[in-house]
Amino acid sequence: MMMPKTISGWCMWLFFLLYGLGAFVSALSSLSFWPWLLGALALIYAIAALFGK
């Protein structure tokens, strides 16, 4: 497996990693900042992918 080389690649990788962890670790999904963190990663991915970074 190769590591991502772009900001959008890292954000997408982290989003799916954290989303998957939240599905299995109930303590993570009960944190108040969890939806904000996942939303921020998705937004950063969308913006970085749009500008090609």
PDB file of N, CA and C in Angstrom:
ATOM      1  N   MET A   1       0.836  -1.177   0.000  1.00  0.00           N
ATOM      2  CA  MET A   1       0.000   0.000   0.000  1.00  0.00           C
ATOM      3  C   MET A   1       0.882   1.241   0.000  1.00  0.00           C
ATOM      4  N   MET A   2       0.569   2.156  -0.872  1.00  0.00           N
ATOM      5  CA  MET A   2       1.327   3.398  -0.941  1.00  0.00           C
ATOM      6  C   MET A   2       0.634   4.474  -0.106  1.00  0.00           C
ATOM      7  N   MET A   3       1.429   5.338   0.484  1.00  0.00           N
ATOM      8  CA  MET A   3       0.881   6.438   1.266  1.00  0.00           C
ATOM      9  C   MET A   3       0.410   7.538   0.316  1.00  0.00           C
ATOM     10  N   PRO A   4      -0.622   8.289   0.706  1.00  0.00           N
ATOM     11  CA  PRO A   4      -1.104   9.375  -0.149  1.00  0.00           C
ATOM     12  C   PRO A   4      -0.030  10.448  -0.326  1.00  0.00           C
ATOM     13  N   LYS A   5      -0.077  11.106  -1.473  1.00  0.00           N
ATOM     14  CA  LYS A   5       0.909  12.146  -1.761  1.00  0.00           C
ATOM     15  C   LYS A   5       0.305  13.545  -1.780  1.00  0.00           C
ATOM     16  N   THR A   6      -1.019  13.645  -1.665  1.00  0.00           N
ATOM     17  CA  THR A   6      -1.681  14.940  -1.717  1.00  0.00           C
ATOM     18  C   THR A   6      -2.458  15.184  -0.429  1.00  0.00           C
ATOM     19  N   ILE A   7      -2.792  16.448  -0.198  1.00  0.00           N
ATOM     20  CA  ILE A   7      -3.587  16.804   0.977  1.00  0.00           C
ATOM     21  C   ILE A   7      -4.960  16.146   0.899  1.00  0.00           C
ATOM     22  N   SER A   8      -5.559  16.157  -0.284  1.00  0.00           N
ATOM     23  CA  SER A   8      -6.882  15.548  -0.418  1.00  0.00           C
ATOM     24  C   SER A   8      -6.805  14.038  -0.175  1.00  0.00           C
ATOM     25  N   GLY A   9      -5.734  13.415  -0.606  1.00  0.00           N
ATOM     26  CA  GLY A   9      -5.551  11.989  -0.359  1.00  0.00           C
ATOM     27  C   GLY A   9      -5.450  11.670   1.119  1.00  0.00           C
ATOM     28  N   TRP A  10      -4.700  12.498   1.854  1.00  0.00           N
ATOM     29  CA  TRP A  10      -4.566  12.299   3.294  1.00  0.00           C
ATOM     30  C   TRP A  10      -5.897  12.514   4.009  1.00  0.00           C
ATOM     31  N   CYS A  11      -6.630  13.539   3.605  1.00  0.00           N
ATOM     32  CA  CYS A  11      -7.923  13.809   4.248  1.00  0.00           C
ATOM     33  C   CYS A  11      -8.902  12.671   3.995  1.00  0.00           C
ATOM     34  N   MET A  12      -8.924  12.151   2.780  1.00  0.00           N
ATOM     35  CA  MET A  12      -9.825  11.043   2.476  1.00  0.00           C
ATOM     36  C   MET A  12      -9.422   9.808   3.276  1.00  0.00           C
ATOM     37  N   TRP A  13      -8.140   9.512   3.338  1.00  0.00           N
ATOM     38  CA  TRP A  13      -7.637   8.364   4.080  1.00  0.00           C
ATOM     39  C   TRP A  13      -7.986   8.489   5.558  1.00  0.00           C
ATOM     40  N   LEU A  14      -7.754   9.667   6.154  1.00  0.00           N
ATOM     41  CA  LEU A  14      -8.063   9.884   7.574  1.00  0.00           C
ATOM     42  C   LEU A  14      -9.561   9.831   7.841  1.00  0.00           C
ATOM     43  N   PHE A  15     -10.361  10.383   6.914  1.00  0.00           N
ATOM     44  CA  PHE A  15     -11.813  10.355   7.088  1.00  0.00           C
ATOM     45  C   PHE A  15     -12.316   8.916   7.197  1.00  0.00           C
ATOM     46  N   PHE A  16     -11.927   8.077   6.251  1.00  0.00           N
ATOM     47  CA  PHE A  16     -12.405   6.701   6.276  1.00  0.00           C
ATOM     48  C   PHE A  16     -11.841   5.920   7.455  1.00  0.00           C
ATOM     49  N   LEU A  17     -10.602   6.192   7.838  1.00  0.00           N
ATOM     50  CA  LEU A  17     -10.026   5.538   9.003  1.00  0.00           C
ATOM     51  C   LEU A  17     -10.797   5.907  10.268  1.00  0.00           C
ATOM     52  N   LEU A  18     -11.023   7.200  10.482  1.00  0.00           N
ATOM     53  CA  LEU A  18     -11.719   7.640  11.682  1.00  0.00           C
ATOM     54  C   LEU A  18     -13.186   7.242  11.674  1.00  0.00           C
ATOM     55  N   TYR A  19     -13.822   7.298  10.515  1.00  0.00           N
ATOM     56  CA  TYR A  19     -15.221   6.869  10.408  1.00  0.00           C
ATOM     57  C   TYR A  19     -15.352   5.381  10.734  1.00  0.00           C
ATOM     58  N   GLY A  20     -14.434   4.592  10.237  1.00  0.00           N
ATOM     59  CA  GLY A  20     -14.445   3.155  10.526  1.00  0.00           C
ATOM     60  C   GLY A  20     -14.182   2.872  11.995  1.00  0.00           C
ATOM     61  N   LEU A  21     -13.238   3.593  12.589  1.00  0.00           N
ATOM     62  CA  LEU A  21     -12.976   3.412  14.021  1.00  0.00           C
ATOM     63  C   LEU A  21     -14.192   3.797  14.850  1.00  0.00           C
ATOM     64  N   GLY A  22     -14.878   4.861  14.458  1.00  0.00           N
ATOM     65  CA  GLY A  22     -16.063   5.300  15.187  1.00  0.00           C
ATOM     66  C   GLY A  22     -17.187   4.282  15.145  1.00  0.00           C
ATOM     67  N   ALA A  23     -17.230   3.492  14.082  1.00  0.00           N
ATOM     68  CA  ALA A  23     -18.270   2.467  13.969  1.00  0.00           C
ATOM     69  C   ALA A  23     -18.012   1.310  14.936  1.00  0.00           C
ATOM     70  N   PHE A  24     -16.753   1.045  15.251  1.00  0.00           N
ATOM     71  CA  PHE A  24     -16.420  -0.077  16.117  1.00  0.00           C
ATOM     72  C   PHE A  24     -16.135   0.319  17.558  1.00  0.00           C
ATOM     73  N   VAL A  25     -15.724   1.542  17.780  1.00  0.00           N
ATOM     74  CA  VAL A  25     -15.404   2.013  19.131  1.00  0.00           C
ATOM     75  C   VAL A  25     -16.477   3.020  19.530  1.00  0.00           C
ATOM     76  N   SER A  26     -17.412   2.591  20.343  1.00  0.00           N
ATOM     77  CA  SER A  26     -18.556   3.445  20.672  1.00  0.00           C
ATOM     78  C   SER A  26     -18.152   4.686  21.468  1.00  0.00           C
ATOM     79  N   ALA A  27     -17.042   4.629  22.200  1.00  0.00           N
ATOM     80  CA  ALA A  27     -16.599   5.795  22.967  1.00  0.00           C
ATOM     81  C   ALA A  27     -16.203   6.938  22.034  1.00  0.00           C
ATOM     82  N   LEU A  28     -15.690   6.615  20.846  1.00  0.00           N
ATOM     83  CA  LEU A  28     -15.290   7.662  19.910  1.00  0.00           C
ATOM     84  C   LEU A  28     -16.506   8.376  19.336  1.00  0.00           C
ATOM     85  N   SER A  29     -17.523   7.621  18.977  1.00  0.00           N
ATOM     86  CA  SER A  29     -18.684   8.244  18.350  1.00  0.00           C
ATOM     87  C   SER A  29     -19.526   9.034  19.331  1.00  0.00           C
ATOM     88  N   SER A  30     -19.289   8.868  20.635  1.00  0.00           N
ATOM     89  CA  SER A  30     -20.036   9.647  21.622  1.00  0.00           C
ATOM     90  C   SER A  30     -19.348  10.972  21.965  1.00  0.00           C
ATOM     91  N   LEU A  31     -18.153  11.208  21.434  1.00  0.00           N
ATOM     92  CA  LEU A  31     -17.453  12.469  21.693  1.00  0.00           C
ATOM     93  C   LEU A  31     -18.148  13.606  20.964  1.00  0.00           C
ATOM     94  N   SER A  32     -18.210  14.761  21.606  1.00  0.00           N
ATOM     95  CA  SER A  32     -18.941  15.889  21.021  1.00  0.00           C
ATOM     96  C   SER A  32     -18.252  16.474  19.791  1.00  0.00           C
ATOM     97  N   PHE A  33     -16.947  16.344  19.686  1.00  0.00           N
ATOM     98  CA  PHE A  33     -16.234  16.921  18.542  1.00  0.00           C
ATOM     99  C   PHE A  33     -16.139  15.954  17.370  1.00  0.00           C
ATOM    100  N   TRP A  34     -16.583  14.727  17.523  1.00  0.00           N
ATOM    101  CA  TRP A  34     -16.432  13.715  16.472  1.00  0.00           C
ATOM    102  C   TRP A  34     -17.090  14.104  15.155  1.00  0.00           C
ATOM    103  N   PRO A  35     -18.379  14.527  15.155  1.00  0.00           N
ATOM    104  CA  PRO A  35     -18.988  14.933  13.874  1.00  0.00           C
ATOM    105  C   PRO A  35     -18.285  16.135  13.244  1.00  0.00           C
ATOM    106  N   TRP A  36     -17.802  17.048  14.079  1.00  0.00           N
ATOM    107  CA  TRP A  36     -17.088  18.221  13.559  1.00  0.00           C
ATOM    108  C   TRP A  36     -15.780  17.805  12.908  1.00  0.00           C
ATOM    109  N   LEU A  37     -15.079  16.869  13.502  1.00  0.00           N
ATOM    110  CA  LEU A  37     -13.810  16.401  12.949  1.00  0.00           C
ATOM    111  C   LEU A  37     -14.022  15.710  11.603  1.00  0.00           C
ATOM    112  N   LEU A  38     -15.001  14.818  11.541  1.00  0.00           N
ATOM    113  CA  LEU A  38     -15.272  14.117  10.285  1.00  0.00           C
ATOM    114  C   LEU A  38     -15.781  15.089   9.217  1.00  0.00           C
ATOM    115  N   GLY A  39     -16.611  16.039   9.613  1.00  0.00           N
ATOM    116  CA  GLY A  39     -17.092  17.044   8.668  1.00  0.00           C
ATOM    117  C   GLY A  39     -15.967  17.921   8.140  1.00  0.00           C
ATOM    118  N   ALA A  40     -15.041  18.288   9.018  1.00  0.00           N
ATOM    119  CA  ALA A  40     -13.908  19.114   8.592  1.00  0.00           C
ATOM    120  C   ALA A  40     -13.017  18.352   7.612  1.00  0.00           C
ATOM    121  N   LEU A  41     -12.768  17.079   7.872  1.00  0.00           N
ATOM    122  CA  LEU A  41     -11.956  16.289   6.949  1.00  0.00           C
ATOM    123  C   LEU A  41     -12.625  16.164   5.593  1.00  0.00           C
ATOM    124  N   ALA A  42     -13.944  15.958   5.579  1.00  0.00           N
ATOM    125  CA  ALA A  42     -14.664  15.851   4.307  1.00  0.00           C
ATOM    126  C   ALA A  42     -14.629  17.177   3.550  1.00  0.00           C
ATOM    127  N   LEU A  43     -14.771  18.285   4.256  1.00  0.00           N
ATOM    128  CA  LEU A  43     -14.733  19.602   3.622  1.00  0.00           C
ATOM    129  C   LEU A  43     -13.340  19.918   3.087  1.00  0.00           C
ATOM    130  N   ILE A  44     -12.307  19.621   3.851  1.00  0.00           N
ATOM    131  CA  ILE A  44     -10.933  19.855   3.396  1.00  0.00           C
ATOM    132  C   ILE A  44     -10.639  19.004   2.164  1.00  0.00           C
ATOM    133  N   TYR A  45     -11.120  17.758   2.172  1.00  0.00           N
ATOM    134  CA  TYR A  45     -10.924  16.900   0.999  1.00  0.00           C
ATOM    135  C   TYR A  45     -11.578  17.509  -0.239  1.00  0.00           C
ATOM    136  N   ALA A  46     -12.816  17.970  -0.089  1.00  0.00           N
ATOM    137  CA  ALA A  46     -13.534  18.532  -1.229  1.00  0.00           C
ATOM    138  C   ALA A  46     -12.830  19.768  -1.775  1.00  0.00           C
ATOM    139  N   ILE A  47     -12.380  20.636  -0.911  1.00  0.00           N
ATOM    140  CA  ILE A  47     -11.706  21.863  -1.354  1.00  0.00           C
ATOM    141  C   ILE A  47     -10.350  21.535  -1.977  1.00  0.00           C
ATOM    142  N   ALA A  48      -9.583  20.658  -1.340  1.00  0.00           N
ATOM    143  CA  ALA A  48      -8.250  20.309  -1.865  1.00  0.00           C
ATOM    144  C   ALA A  48      -8.372  19.572  -3.200  1.00  0.00           C
ATOM    145  N   ALA A  49      -9.360  18.702  -3.329  1.00  0.00           N
ATOM    146  CA  ALA A  49      -9.546  17.991  -4.593  1.00  0.00           C
ATOM    147  C   ALA A  49      -9.977  18.957  -5.699  1.00  0.00           C
ATOM    148  N   LEU A  50     -10.787  19.950  -5.346  1.00  0.00           N
ATOM    149  CA  LEU A  50     -11.231  20.926  -6.320  1.00  0.00           C
ATOM    150  C   LEU A  50     -10.061  21.737  -6.862  1.00  0.00           C
ATOM    151  N   PHE A  51      -9.141  22.117  -5.991  1.00  0.00           N
ATOM    152  CA  PHE A  51      -7.991  22.916  -6.411  1.00  0.00           C
ATOM    153  C   PHE A  51      -6.785  22.076  -6.810  1.00  0.00           C
ATOM    154  N   GLY A  52      -6.899  20.755  -6.699  1.00  0.00           N
ATOM    155  CA  GLY A  52      -5.837  19.869  -7.168  1.00  0.00           C
ATOM    156  C   GLY A  52      -4.620  19.813  -6.291  1.00  0.00           C
ATOM    157  N   LYS A  53      -4.765  19.972  -5.005  1.00  0.00           N
ATOM    158  CA  LYS A  53      -3.619  19.920  -4.086  1.00  0.00           C
ATOM    159  C   LYS A  53      -3.489  18.537  -3.493  1.00  0.00           C
TER     160      LYS A  53
END
